[in-house]
Amino acid sequence: METKNWKERFVLGITGSMGGGKSTVTKIFETLGAFRISADEIAKQFTAIDSPVKEELTKLLGNEILDHNGNMDRKRIAAIVFSDKTAIAKLNAFLHPLIRQKTLSIIQSVESGRIVAWEAPLLFEAGGEKICDATLTVSASYEDSWNRVKKRDEITEVEFQSRLANQMDIKKKLEASDFKIINDKDLKHLESECNAIYNEIMNRKLS
């Protein structure tokens, strides 16, 4: 890719497979000076106990997503949607426009001259690349990804595989991306890769 010239702000969509290291990469970009946005963090606002769309989600997925106190339960939601392709399609169709609207609002608030590092696990699946100036896919081996996930999340390997199956194949994401990082070495190497991409984008900024 030949990085485009830009002036106001540059939106870099960052994606990859679960456990691949995209969150780490996004945070590295933040330390370099980018404004970080996480689609997952925004999504959690809509599945929190005080969710503004609790009623709509309950109608969509059923009372099974509520705990014994009647509060939203993310683990119950995950158990339902990651074992039912119809349920996850319904959830994504409902949440993605809300997440997109909130994301665009945040992007517009970012001061001129900065890179926006937007981490979105389903960037291509949800058509999020359309609002990006460039895209970056972070990839790691299955073994490395699973090792990270099992240390971080309380899920089984079967659940991990189920969630991977609901995402675009990582090879297709790599092919569709403007930038690629293969996360198969240490943190220092990962930081070096991020720094090179950050500098390439910044060097195209118009004064």
N, C-alpha and C. Protein backbone atom coordinates (compact mmCIF):
# COMPACT_ATOMS: atom_id res chain seq x y z
N MET A 1 0.83 -1.20 0.00
CA MET A 1 0.00 0.00 0.00
C MET A 1 0.86 1.25 0.00
N GLU A 2 0.46 2.24 -0.77
CA GLU A 2 1.09 3.55 -0.70
C GLU A 2 0.20 4.40 0.22
N THR A 3 0.73 4.73 1.38
CA THR A 3 -0.06 5.46 2.37
C THR A 3 -0.50 6.80 1.82
N LYS A 4 -1.78 7.10 1.99
CA LYS A 4 -2.35 8.34 1.46
C LYS A 4 -1.86 9.55 2.23
N ASN A 5 -1.83 10.69 1.55
CA ASN A 5 -1.57 11.95 2.24
C ASN A 5 -2.81 12.31 3.06
N TRP A 6 -2.62 12.93 4.21
CA TRP A 6 -3.75 13.26 5.05
C TRP A 6 -3.44 14.50 5.88
N LYS A 7 -4.47 15.07 6.47
CA LYS A 7 -4.27 16.30 7.22
C LYS A 7 -5.01 16.31 8.56
N GLU A 8 -6.32 16.08 8.52
CA GLU A 8 -7.10 16.22 9.75
C GLU A 8 -6.85 15.09 10.74
N ARG A 9 -7.19 13.88 10.36
CA ARG A 9 -6.92 12.71 11.20
C ARG A 9 -6.88 11.48 10.30
N PHE A 10 -6.18 10.45 10.75
CA PHE A 10 -6.00 9.24 9.96
C PHE A 10 -6.53 8.06 10.76
N VAL A 11 -7.56 7.39 10.25
CA VAL A 11 -8.18 6.27 10.96
C VAL A 11 -7.55 4.96 10.50
N LEU A 12 -6.87 4.30 11.42
CA LEU A 12 -6.25 2.99 11.15
C LEU A 12 -7.07 1.92 11.85
N GLY A 13 -7.76 1.10 11.06
CA GLY A 13 -8.55 0.00 11.62
C GLY A 13 -7.63 -1.18 11.90
N ILE A 14 -7.63 -1.63 13.14
CA ILE A 14 -6.74 -2.73 13.56
C ILE A 14 -7.58 -3.95 13.92
N THR A 15 -7.29 -5.07 13.27
CA THR A 15 -8.05 -6.29 13.51
C THR A 15 -7.12 -7.50 13.55
N GLY A 16 -7.69 -8.67 13.61
CA GLY A 16 -6.90 -9.89 13.70
C GLY A 16 -7.73 -10.97 14.36
N SER A 17 -7.17 -12.14 14.55
CA SER A 17 -7.91 -13.22 15.19
C SER A 17 -7.82 -13.10 16.71
N MET A 18 -8.68 -13.79 17.39
CA MET A 18 -8.72 -13.77 18.85
C MET A 18 -7.39 -14.25 19.42
N GLY A 19 -6.80 -13.45 20.31
CA GLY A 19 -5.53 -13.84 20.92
C GLY A 19 -4.32 -13.53 20.06
N GLY A 20 -4.54 -12.86 18.93
CA GLY A 20 -3.43 -12.58 18.02
C GLY A 20 -2.52 -11.45 18.46
N GLY A 21 -3.03 -10.59 19.33
CA GLY A 21 -2.22 -9.47 19.83
C GLY A 21 -2.68 -8.10 19.37
N LYS A 22 -3.89 -8.01 18.83
CA LYS A 22 -4.36 -6.71 18.31
C LYS A 22 -4.53 -5.67 19.40
N SER A 23 -4.94 -6.09 20.60
CA SER A 23 -5.09 -5.13 21.71
C SER A 23 -3.74 -4.56 22.11
N THR A 24 -2.74 -5.43 22.16
CA THR A 24 -1.38 -4.98 22.49
C THR A 24 -0.88 -4.00 21.45
N VAL A 25 -1.10 -4.32 20.19
CA VAL A 25 -0.68 -3.45 19.09
C VAL A 25 -1.37 -2.09 19.18
N THR A 26 -2.67 -2.09 19.45
CA THR A 26 -3.41 -0.83 19.55
C THR A 26 -2.88 0.02 20.69
N LYS A 27 -2.54 -0.62 21.81
CA LYS A 27 -2.00 0.12 22.95
C LYS A 27 -0.59 0.66 22.66
N ILE A 28 0.17 -0.07 21.86
CA ILE A 28 1.50 0.43 21.46
C ILE A 28 1.33 1.68 20.61
N PHE A 29 0.37 1.65 19.68
CA PHE A 29 0.09 2.84 18.87
C PHE A 29 -0.31 4.02 19.77
N GLU A 30 -1.04 3.73 20.83
CA GLU A 30 -1.44 4.79 21.75
C GLU A 30 -0.21 5.41 22.42
N THR A 31 0.75 4.59 22.82
CA THR A 31 1.96 5.12 23.45
C THR A 31 2.78 5.96 22.46
N LEU A 32 2.62 5.67 21.17
CA LEU A 32 3.34 6.42 20.14
C LEU A 32 2.68 7.77 19.85
N GLY A 33 1.44 7.92 20.29
CA GLY A 33 0.76 9.20 20.09
C GLY A 33 -0.61 9.09 19.44
N ALA A 34 -1.02 7.87 19.10
CA ALA A 34 -2.34 7.69 18.48
C ALA A 34 -3.44 7.78 19.52
N PHE A 35 -4.64 8.06 19.06
CA PHE A 35 -5.84 8.05 19.91
C PHE A 35 -6.45 6.66 19.79
N ARG A 36 -6.59 5.95 20.90
CA ARG A 36 -7.04 4.56 20.87
C ARG A 36 -8.55 4.46 21.06
N ILE A 37 -9.17 3.64 20.21
CA ILE A 37 -10.59 3.31 20.35
C ILE A 37 -10.72 1.79 20.29
N SER A 38 -11.50 1.22 21.20
CA SER A 38 -11.73 -0.23 21.21
C SER A 38 -13.20 -0.52 20.96
N ALA A 39 -13.49 -1.25 19.89
CA ALA A 39 -14.88 -1.63 19.59
C ALA A 39 -15.44 -2.51 20.70
N ASP A 40 -14.59 -3.37 21.27
CA ASP A 40 -15.05 -4.25 22.35
C ASP A 40 -15.44 -3.45 23.59
N GLU A 41 -14.65 -2.43 23.90
CA GLU A 41 -14.96 -1.61 25.07
C GLU A 41 -16.27 -0.86 24.88
N ILE A 42 -16.51 -0.40 23.65
CA ILE A 42 -17.78 0.27 23.35
C ILE A 42 -18.93 -0.73 23.43
N ALA A 43 -18.72 -1.93 22.88
CA ALA A 43 -19.76 -2.95 22.89
C ALA A 43 -20.16 -3.32 24.32
N LYS A 44 -19.19 -3.32 25.22
CA LYS A 44 -19.47 -3.69 26.61
C LYS A 44 -20.39 -2.69 27.29
N GLN A 45 -20.41 -1.45 26.80
CA GLN A 45 -21.32 -0.45 27.35
C GLN A 45 -22.78 -0.86 27.10
N PHE A 46 -22.99 -1.60 26.00
CA PHE A 46 -24.35 -2.01 25.64
C PHE A 46 -24.74 -3.35 26.27
N THR A 47 -23.77 -4.07 26.86
CA THR A 47 -24.08 -5.33 27.52
C THR A 47 -23.78 -5.28 29.01
N ALA A 48 -23.58 -4.06 29.52
CA ALA A 48 -23.31 -3.88 30.94
C ALA A 48 -24.60 -3.98 31.75
N ILE A 49 -24.47 -4.03 33.08
CA ILE A 49 -25.64 -4.12 33.95
C ILE A 49 -26.61 -2.96 33.69
N ASP A 50 -26.02 -1.77 33.47
CA ASP A 50 -26.86 -0.59 33.23
C ASP A 50 -27.02 -0.29 31.74
N SER A 51 -27.03 -1.34 30.92
CA SER A 51 -27.14 -1.20 29.47
C SER A 51 -28.34 -0.34 29.06
N PRO A 52 -28.12 0.62 28.15
CA PRO A 52 -29.23 1.44 27.67
C PRO A 52 -30.16 0.68 26.73
N VAL A 53 -29.73 -0.54 26.32
CA VAL A 53 -30.55 -1.32 25.38
C VAL A 53 -30.89 -2.70 25.98
N LYS A 54 -30.98 -2.75 27.29
CA LYS A 54 -31.29 -4.02 27.97
C LYS A 54 -32.60 -4.62 27.48
N GLU A 55 -33.62 -3.79 27.38
CA GLU A 55 -34.93 -4.28 26.97
C GLU A 55 -34.89 -4.85 25.56
N GLU A 56 -34.20 -4.14 24.65
CA GLU A 56 -34.11 -4.59 23.26
C GLU A 56 -33.35 -5.91 23.15
N LEU A 57 -32.25 -6.04 23.91
CA LEU A 57 -31.46 -7.26 23.85
C LEU A 57 -32.22 -8.44 24.45
N THR A 58 -32.99 -8.18 25.49
CA THR A 58 -33.79 -9.25 26.10
C THR A 58 -34.85 -9.75 25.13
N LYS A 59 -35.46 -8.83 24.40
CA LYS A 59 -36.45 -9.22 23.39
C LYS A 59 -35.79 -10.01 22.26
N LEU A 60 -34.55 -9.63 21.95
CA LEU A 60 -33.83 -10.25 20.84
C LEU A 60 -33.35 -11.66 21.18
N LEU A 61 -32.78 -11.83 22.38
CA LEU A 61 -32.13 -13.09 22.75
C LEU A 61 -32.86 -13.89 23.83
N GLY A 62 -33.83 -13.26 24.48
CA GLY A 62 -34.58 -13.97 25.52
C GLY A 62 -34.11 -13.66 26.93
N ASN A 63 -34.91 -14.05 27.92
CA ASN A 63 -34.59 -13.78 29.32
C ASN A 63 -33.38 -14.58 29.81
N GLU A 64 -32.92 -15.54 29.01
CA GLU A 64 -31.76 -16.35 29.39
C GLU A 64 -30.50 -15.52 29.54
N ILE A 65 -30.49 -14.30 28.98
CA ILE A 65 -29.28 -13.47 29.08
C ILE A 65 -29.23 -12.69 30.40
N LEU A 66 -30.28 -12.85 31.23
CA LEU A 66 -30.33 -12.16 32.51
C LEU A 66 -29.96 -13.10 33.65
N ASP A 67 -29.30 -12.55 34.68
CA ASP A 67 -28.98 -13.37 35.85
C ASP A 67 -30.20 -13.42 36.78
N HIS A 68 -30.02 -14.03 37.96
CA HIS A 68 -31.16 -14.21 38.87
C HIS A 68 -31.67 -12.89 39.45
N ASN A 69 -30.86 -11.83 39.29
CA ASN A 69 -31.30 -10.51 39.75
C ASN A 69 -31.92 -9.68 38.63
N GLY A 70 -31.98 -10.28 37.44
CA GLY A 70 -32.56 -9.57 36.31
C GLY A 70 -31.57 -8.65 35.61
N ASN A 71 -30.27 -8.82 35.90
CA ASN A 71 -29.24 -7.99 35.28
C ASN A 71 -28.64 -8.69 34.06
N MET A 72 -28.12 -7.89 33.13
CA MET A 72 -27.45 -8.45 31.96
C MET A 72 -26.24 -9.27 32.41
N ASP A 73 -26.05 -10.43 31.81
CA ASP A 73 -24.95 -11.32 32.16
C ASP A 73 -24.16 -11.63 30.88
N ARG A 74 -22.96 -11.06 30.76
CA ARG A 74 -22.17 -11.22 29.53
C ARG A 74 -21.82 -12.68 29.26
N LYS A 75 -21.56 -13.45 30.32
CA LYS A 75 -21.21 -14.85 30.12
C LYS A 75 -22.38 -15.63 29.54
N ARG A 76 -23.58 -15.29 29.97
CA ARG A 76 -24.76 -15.96 29.43
C ARG A 76 -24.97 -15.56 27.97
N ILE A 77 -24.76 -14.29 27.69
CA ILE A 77 -24.88 -13.82 26.29
C ILE A 77 -23.89 -14.56 25.41
N ALA A 78 -22.63 -14.65 25.87
CA ALA A 78 -21.59 -15.32 25.09
C ALA A 78 -21.93 -16.79 24.86
N ALA A 79 -22.42 -17.45 25.92
CA ALA A 79 -22.76 -18.87 25.80
C ALA A 79 -23.84 -19.10 24.76
N ILE A 80 -24.78 -18.16 24.68
CA ILE A 80 -25.88 -18.30 23.71
C ILE A 80 -25.41 -18.02 22.29
N VAL A 81 -24.75 -16.88 22.09
CA VAL A 81 -24.45 -16.46 20.71
C VAL A 81 -23.32 -17.24 20.07
N PHE A 82 -22.34 -17.71 20.86
CA PHE A 82 -21.22 -18.41 20.23
C PHE A 82 -21.53 -19.88 19.95
N SER A 83 -22.74 -20.32 20.33
CA SER A 83 -23.15 -21.68 20.00
C SER A 83 -24.32 -21.68 19.02
N ASP A 84 -24.70 -20.49 18.57
CA ASP A 84 -25.87 -20.36 17.69
C ASP A 84 -25.60 -19.26 16.67
N LYS A 85 -25.34 -19.66 15.44
CA LYS A 85 -25.00 -18.68 14.39
C LYS A 85 -26.14 -17.69 14.14
N THR A 86 -27.38 -18.14 14.29
CA THR A 86 -28.53 -17.24 14.10
C THR A 86 -28.55 -16.18 15.19
N ALA A 87 -28.28 -16.59 16.43
CA ALA A 87 -28.28 -15.66 17.56
C ALA A 87 -27.16 -14.62 17.43
N ILE A 88 -25.99 -15.07 17.03
CA ILE A 88 -24.87 -14.12 16.91
C ILE A 88 -25.11 -13.17 15.74
N ALA A 89 -25.76 -13.65 14.69
CA ALA A 89 -26.08 -12.78 13.56
C ALA A 89 -27.07 -11.70 13.99
N LYS A 90 -28.05 -12.08 14.79
CA LYS A 90 -29.03 -11.11 15.31
C LYS A 90 -28.36 -10.08 16.20
N LEU A 91 -27.50 -10.57 17.09
CA LEU A 91 -26.81 -9.67 18.02
C LEU A 91 -25.92 -8.68 17.26
N ASN A 92 -25.16 -9.18 16.31
CA ASN A 92 -24.27 -8.32 15.52
C ASN A 92 -25.06 -7.29 14.71
N ALA A 93 -26.17 -7.73 14.13
CA ALA A 93 -26.99 -6.82 13.33
C ALA A 93 -27.55 -5.69 14.18
N PHE A 94 -27.81 -5.99 15.44
CA PHE A 94 -28.34 -4.97 16.36
C PHE A 94 -27.24 -4.07 16.91
N LEU A 95 -26.13 -4.68 17.35
CA LEU A 95 -25.09 -3.91 18.03
C LEU A 95 -24.18 -3.12 17.09
N HIS A 96 -23.85 -3.69 15.94
CA HIS A 96 -22.87 -3.03 15.07
C HIS A 96 -23.22 -1.59 14.69
N PRO A 97 -24.48 -1.30 14.33
CA PRO A 97 -24.81 0.10 14.03
C PRO A 97 -24.63 1.02 15.24
N LEU A 98 -24.93 0.52 16.43
CA LEU A 98 -24.77 1.32 17.65
C LEU A 98 -23.28 1.58 17.92
N ILE A 99 -22.48 0.54 17.75
CA ILE A 99 -21.03 0.67 17.95
C ILE A 99 -20.44 1.61 16.91
N ARG A 100 -20.89 1.48 15.65
CA ARG A 100 -20.40 2.33 14.57
C ARG A 100 -20.72 3.81 14.85
N GLN A 101 -21.96 4.06 15.28
CA GLN A 101 -22.39 5.43 15.57
C GLN A 101 -21.54 6.05 16.68
N LYS A 102 -21.31 5.27 17.74
CA LYS A 102 -20.50 5.76 18.86
C LYS A 102 -19.05 5.97 18.42
N THR A 103 -18.53 5.04 17.62
CA THR A 103 -17.15 5.14 17.13
C THR A 103 -16.96 6.40 16.28
N LEU A 104 -17.89 6.64 15.36
CA LEU A 104 -17.79 7.82 14.49
C LEU A 104 -17.84 9.11 15.31
N SER A 105 -18.66 9.11 16.34
CA SER A 105 -18.76 10.28 17.21
C SER A 105 -17.43 10.55 17.91
N ILE A 106 -16.78 9.49 18.38
CA ILE A 106 -15.48 9.63 19.05
C ILE A 106 -14.42 10.10 18.07
N ILE A 107 -14.41 9.48 16.87
CA ILE A 107 -13.42 9.86 15.85
C ILE A 107 -13.52 11.35 15.53
N GLN A 108 -14.75 11.83 15.38
CA GLN A 108 -14.95 13.24 15.04
C GLN A 108 -14.48 14.18 16.15
N SER A 109 -14.38 13.67 17.37
CA SER A 109 -13.95 14.50 18.50
C SER A 109 -12.42 14.56 18.65
N VAL A 110 -11.72 13.69 17.92
CA VAL A 110 -10.26 13.64 18.02
C VAL A 110 -9.65 14.85 17.33
N GLU A 111 -8.69 15.48 17.99
CA GLU A 111 -8.08 16.67 17.44
C GLU A 111 -7.35 16.39 16.13
N SER A 112 -7.25 17.42 15.31
CA SER A 112 -6.62 17.30 14.00
C SER A 112 -5.15 16.91 14.12
N GLY A 113 -4.70 16.11 13.17
CA GLY A 113 -3.28 15.77 13.10
C GLY A 113 -2.90 14.47 13.77
N ARG A 114 -3.88 13.74 14.30
CA ARG A 114 -3.56 12.50 15.02
C ARG A 114 -4.03 11.27 14.26
N ILE A 115 -3.33 10.18 14.51
CA ILE A 115 -3.77 8.88 14.04
C ILE A 115 -4.79 8.34 15.04
N VAL A 116 -5.87 7.77 14.54
CA VAL A 116 -6.84 7.09 15.39
C VAL A 116 -6.62 5.59 15.22
N ALA A 117 -6.22 4.91 16.29
CA ALA A 117 -6.00 3.47 16.26
C ALA A 117 -7.27 2.79 16.75
N TRP A 118 -8.06 2.28 15.82
CA TRP A 118 -9.36 1.71 16.14
C TRP A 118 -9.29 0.18 16.09
N GLU A 119 -9.34 -0.42 17.26
CA GLU A 119 -9.31 -1.88 17.35
C GLU A 119 -10.71 -2.44 17.19
N ALA A 120 -10.90 -3.27 16.16
CA ALA A 120 -12.22 -3.84 15.87
C ALA A 120 -12.05 -5.30 15.43
N PRO A 121 -12.34 -6.26 16.31
CA PRO A 121 -12.18 -7.67 15.96
C PRO A 121 -12.93 -8.07 14.69
N LEU A 122 -14.13 -7.48 14.48
CA LEU A 122 -14.94 -7.81 13.30
C LEU A 122 -14.91 -6.66 12.29
N LEU A 123 -13.75 -6.08 12.11
CA LEU A 123 -13.61 -4.91 11.23
C LEU A 123 -14.16 -5.18 9.83
N PHE A 124 -13.67 -6.23 9.19
CA PHE A 124 -14.10 -6.54 7.82
C PHE A 124 -15.50 -7.17 7.79
N GLU A 125 -15.78 -8.01 8.78
CA GLU A 125 -17.08 -8.67 8.81
C GLU A 125 -18.23 -7.66 8.91
N ALA A 126 -17.98 -6.55 9.61
CA ALA A 126 -19.02 -5.53 9.82
C ALA A 126 -18.91 -4.37 8.84
N GLY A 127 -17.98 -4.46 7.90
CA GLY A 127 -17.81 -3.38 6.92
C GLY A 127 -17.14 -2.15 7.47
N GLY A 128 -16.45 -2.30 8.60
CA GLY A 128 -15.82 -1.16 9.25
C GLY A 128 -14.67 -0.55 8.47
N GLU A 129 -14.11 -1.32 7.55
CA GLU A 129 -12.99 -0.80 6.75
C GLU A 129 -13.40 0.41 5.91
N LYS A 130 -14.71 0.54 5.68
CA LYS A 130 -15.20 1.65 4.85
C LYS A 130 -14.99 3.01 5.49
N ILE A 131 -14.85 3.06 6.81
CA ILE A 131 -14.62 4.34 7.47
C ILE A 131 -13.15 4.52 7.88
N CYS A 132 -12.29 3.62 7.38
CA CYS A 132 -10.86 3.69 7.70
C CYS A 132 -10.07 4.27 6.53
N ASP A 133 -8.94 4.88 6.87
CA ASP A 133 -8.00 5.34 5.85
C ASP A 133 -7.02 4.23 5.49
N ALA A 134 -6.85 3.29 6.41
CA ALA A 134 -6.02 2.11 6.16
C ALA A 134 -6.38 1.05 7.20
N THR A 135 -6.02 -0.19 6.90
CA THR A 135 -6.32 -1.29 7.82
C THR A 135 -5.05 -2.07 8.14
N LEU A 136 -5.03 -2.66 9.32
CA LEU A 136 -3.88 -3.45 9.80
C LEU A 136 -4.40 -4.73 10.43
N THR A 137 -3.88 -5.85 9.98
CA THR A 137 -4.23 -7.14 10.59
C THR A 137 -3.04 -7.68 11.36
N VAL A 138 -3.30 -8.10 12.59
CA VAL A 138 -2.27 -8.69 13.46
C VAL A 138 -2.55 -10.19 13.52
N SER A 139 -1.55 -10.98 13.20
CA SER A 139 -1.74 -12.42 13.14
C SER A 139 -0.71 -13.15 14.01
N ALA A 140 -1.15 -14.25 14.60
CA ALA A 140 -0.25 -15.11 15.39
C ALA A 140 -0.64 -16.56 15.11
N SER A 141 0.22 -17.48 15.49
CA SER A 141 -0.08 -18.90 15.28
C SER A 141 -1.23 -19.32 16.18
N TYR A 142 -1.88 -20.41 15.83
CA TYR A 142 -2.98 -20.92 16.64
C TYR A 142 -2.51 -21.18 18.07
N GLU A 143 -1.34 -21.81 18.20
CA GLU A 143 -0.82 -22.16 19.52
C GLU A 143 -0.58 -20.92 20.38
N ASP A 144 0.06 -19.91 19.80
CA ASP A 144 0.33 -18.69 20.56
C ASP A 144 -0.97 -17.98 20.94
N SER A 145 -1.91 -17.95 20.01
CA SER A 145 -3.20 -17.29 20.26
C SER A 145 -3.95 -18.00 21.38
N TRP A 146 -4.02 -19.32 21.32
CA TRP A 146 -4.74 -20.08 22.35
C TRP A 146 -4.06 -19.92 23.71
N ASN A 147 -2.74 -19.92 23.73
CA ASN A 147 -2.02 -19.76 25.00
C ASN A 147 -2.34 -18.41 25.65
N ARG A 148 -2.46 -17.37 24.84
CA ARG A 148 -2.80 -16.06 25.39
C ARG A 148 -4.24 -16.04 25.91
N VAL A 149 -5.13 -16.62 25.11
CA VAL A 149 -6.55 -16.58 25.47
C VAL A 149 -6.83 -17.38 26.75
N LYS A 150 -6.23 -18.56 26.89
CA LYS A 150 -6.53 -19.37 28.07
C LYS A 150 -5.97 -18.76 29.36
N LYS A 151 -4.94 -17.93 29.23
CA LYS A 151 -4.43 -17.21 30.40
C LYS A 151 -5.31 -16.01 30.75
N ARG A 152 -5.96 -15.45 29.73
CA ARG A 152 -6.73 -14.21 29.89
C ARG A 152 -8.21 -14.45 30.17
N ASP A 153 -8.80 -15.43 29.49
CA ASP A 153 -10.25 -15.64 29.56
C ASP A 153 -10.58 -17.00 30.17
N GLU A 154 -11.73 -17.08 30.77
CA GLU A 154 -12.19 -18.34 31.36
C GLU A 154 -13.05 -19.10 30.34
N ILE A 155 -12.40 -19.56 29.27
CA ILE A 155 -13.12 -20.34 28.26
C ILE A 155 -12.32 -21.59 27.92
N THR A 156 -13.01 -22.59 27.39
CA THR A 156 -12.36 -23.83 26.99
C THR A 156 -11.81 -23.69 25.58
N GLU A 157 -10.99 -24.64 25.16
CA GLU A 157 -10.45 -24.57 23.80
C GLU A 157 -11.55 -24.75 22.77
N VAL A 158 -12.58 -25.54 23.11
CA VAL A 158 -13.72 -25.71 22.20
C VAL A 158 -14.43 -24.38 22.01
N GLU A 159 -14.61 -23.63 23.10
CA GLU A 159 -15.24 -22.31 23.01
C GLU A 159 -14.37 -21.36 22.20
N PHE A 160 -13.06 -21.45 22.39
CA PHE A 160 -12.12 -20.64 21.62
C PHE A 160 -12.26 -20.92 20.13
N GLN A 161 -12.32 -22.19 19.78
CA GLN A 161 -12.45 -22.59 18.39
C GLN A 161 -13.79 -22.13 17.81
N SER A 162 -14.84 -22.16 18.63
CA SER A 162 -16.17 -21.72 18.19
C SER A 162 -16.15 -20.23 17.87
N ARG A 163 -15.45 -19.45 18.68
CA ARG A 163 -15.39 -18.01 18.44
C ARG A 163 -14.55 -17.70 17.20
N LEU A 164 -13.49 -18.46 17.00
CA LEU A 164 -12.69 -18.27 15.79
C LEU A 164 -13.52 -18.56 14.55
N ALA A 165 -14.38 -19.58 14.65
CA ALA A 165 -15.20 -19.99 13.51
C ALA A 165 -16.21 -18.91 13.11
N ASN A 166 -16.51 -18.00 14.03
CA ASN A 166 -17.46 -16.93 13.75
C ASN A 166 -16.78 -15.68 13.18
N GLN A 167 -15.47 -15.78 12.95
CA GLN A 167 -14.73 -14.66 12.38
C GLN A 167 -14.23 -15.01 10.98
N MET A 168 -13.95 -13.97 10.20
CA MET A 168 -13.37 -14.18 8.87
C MET A 168 -12.04 -14.90 9.02
N ASP A 169 -11.73 -15.78 8.08
CA ASP A 169 -10.46 -16.50 8.10
C ASP A 169 -9.31 -15.50 8.13
N ILE A 170 -8.32 -15.75 8.99
CA ILE A 170 -7.23 -14.80 9.18
C ILE A 170 -6.45 -14.56 7.89
N LYS A 171 -6.35 -15.56 7.03
CA LYS A 171 -5.65 -15.39 5.76
C LYS A 171 -6.35 -14.36 4.88
N LYS A 172 -7.69 -14.39 4.90
CA LYS A 172 -8.46 -13.42 4.11
C LYS A 172 -8.30 -12.02 4.70
N LYS A 173 -8.22 -11.92 6.03
CA LYS A 173 -8.02 -10.61 6.65
C LYS A 173 -6.65 -10.04 6.26
N LEU A 174 -5.66 -10.90 6.26
CA LEU A 174 -4.31 -10.45 5.89
C LEU A 174 -4.28 -9.96 4.45
N GLU A 175 -4.95 -10.69 3.58
CA GLU A 175 -5.00 -10.32 2.15
C GLU A 175 -5.72 -8.99 1.95
N ALA A 176 -6.73 -8.73 2.77
CA ALA A 176 -7.55 -7.52 2.61
C ALA A 176 -6.92 -6.28 3.26
N SER A 177 -5.89 -6.47 4.07
CA SER A 177 -5.33 -5.37 4.85
C SER A 177 -4.23 -4.60 4.11
N ASP A 178 -4.11 -3.33 4.48
CA ASP A 178 -3.05 -2.49 3.93
C ASP A 178 -1.72 -2.76 4.62
N PHE A 179 -1.80 -3.01 5.92
CA PHE A 179 -0.61 -3.32 6.71
C PHE A 179 -0.81 -4.67 7.41
N LYS A 180 0.30 -5.36 7.65
CA LYS A 180 0.25 -6.67 8.31
C LYS A 180 1.35 -6.77 9.35
N ILE A 181 1.04 -7.37 10.49
CA ILE A 181 2.05 -7.68 11.50
C ILE A 181 1.90 -9.15 11.87
N ILE A 182 2.97 -9.92 11.74
CA ILE A 182 2.98 -11.31 12.18
C ILE A 182 3.59 -11.31 13.58
N ASN A 183 2.76 -11.56 14.56
CA ASN A 183 3.16 -11.48 15.97
C ASN A 183 3.75 -12.82 16.42
N ASP A 184 4.98 -13.10 15.99
CA ASP A 184 5.59 -14.39 16.30
C ASP A 184 6.93 -14.26 17.02
N LYS A 185 7.23 -13.02 17.47
CA LYS A 185 8.48 -12.81 18.20
C LYS A 185 8.19 -12.13 19.53
N ASP A 186 9.15 -11.39 20.06
CA ASP A 186 8.95 -10.79 21.38
C ASP A 186 8.31 -9.41 21.29
N LEU A 187 8.05 -8.81 22.46
CA LEU A 187 7.39 -7.51 22.52
C LEU A 187 8.22 -6.42 21.85
N LYS A 188 9.53 -6.51 21.98
CA LYS A 188 10.40 -5.50 21.37
C LYS A 188 10.22 -5.48 19.85
N HIS A 189 10.13 -6.67 19.25
CA HIS A 189 9.93 -6.76 17.80
C HIS A 189 8.56 -6.21 17.43
N LEU A 190 7.55 -6.50 18.25
CA LEU A 190 6.20 -6.00 17.98
C LEU A 190 6.18 -4.47 18.03
N GLU A 191 6.87 -3.91 19.01
CA GLU A 191 6.95 -2.45 19.13
C GLU A 191 7.65 -1.84 17.93
N SER A 192 8.68 -2.51 17.43
CA SER A 192 9.42 -2.04 16.27
C SER A 192 8.53 -2.03 15.02
N GLU A 193 7.73 -3.08 14.85
CA GLU A 193 6.81 -3.18 13.71
C GLU A 193 5.77 -2.05 13.77
N CYS A 194 5.23 -1.82 14.96
CA CYS A 194 4.22 -0.76 15.13
C CYS A 194 4.84 0.62 14.87
N ASN A 195 6.04 0.81 15.35
CA ASN A 195 6.73 2.09 15.18
C ASN A 195 6.95 2.40 13.69
N ALA A 196 7.31 1.37 12.93
CA ALA A 196 7.55 1.56 11.49
C ALA A 196 6.27 1.97 10.78
N ILE A 197 5.15 1.33 11.12
CA ILE A 197 3.87 1.67 10.49
C ILE A 197 3.42 3.06 10.92
N TYR A 198 3.56 3.35 12.21
CA TYR A 198 3.17 4.67 12.73
C TYR A 198 3.94 5.78 12.01
N ASN A 199 5.25 5.59 11.88
CA ASN A 199 6.08 6.60 11.23
C ASN A 199 5.75 6.74 9.75
N GLU A 200 5.44 5.62 9.09
CA GLU A 200 5.09 5.69 7.67
C GLU A 200 3.84 6.53 7.47
N ILE A 201 2.86 6.34 8.35
CA ILE A 201 1.62 7.12 8.25
C ILE A 201 1.87 8.59 8.58
N MET A 202 2.60 8.85 9.65
CA MET A 202 2.86 10.22 10.08
C MET A 202 3.68 11.00 9.05
N ASN A 203 4.55 10.28 8.35
CA ASN A 203 5.38 10.93 7.34
C ASN A 203 4.58 11.40 6.13
N ARG A 204 3.34 10.95 6.02
CA ARG A 204 2.49 11.37 4.91
C ARG A 204 1.52 12.47 5.33
N LYS A 205 1.65 12.93 6.58
CA LYS A 205 0.75 14.00 7.04
C LYS A 205 1.14 15.33 6.45
N LEU A 206 0.16 16.04 5.95
CA LEU A 206 0.40 17.35 5.35
C LEU A 206 0.40 18.41 6.45
N SER A 207 1.29 19.37 6.33
CA SER A 207 1.37 20.43 7.34
C SER A 207 0.29 21.48 7.12
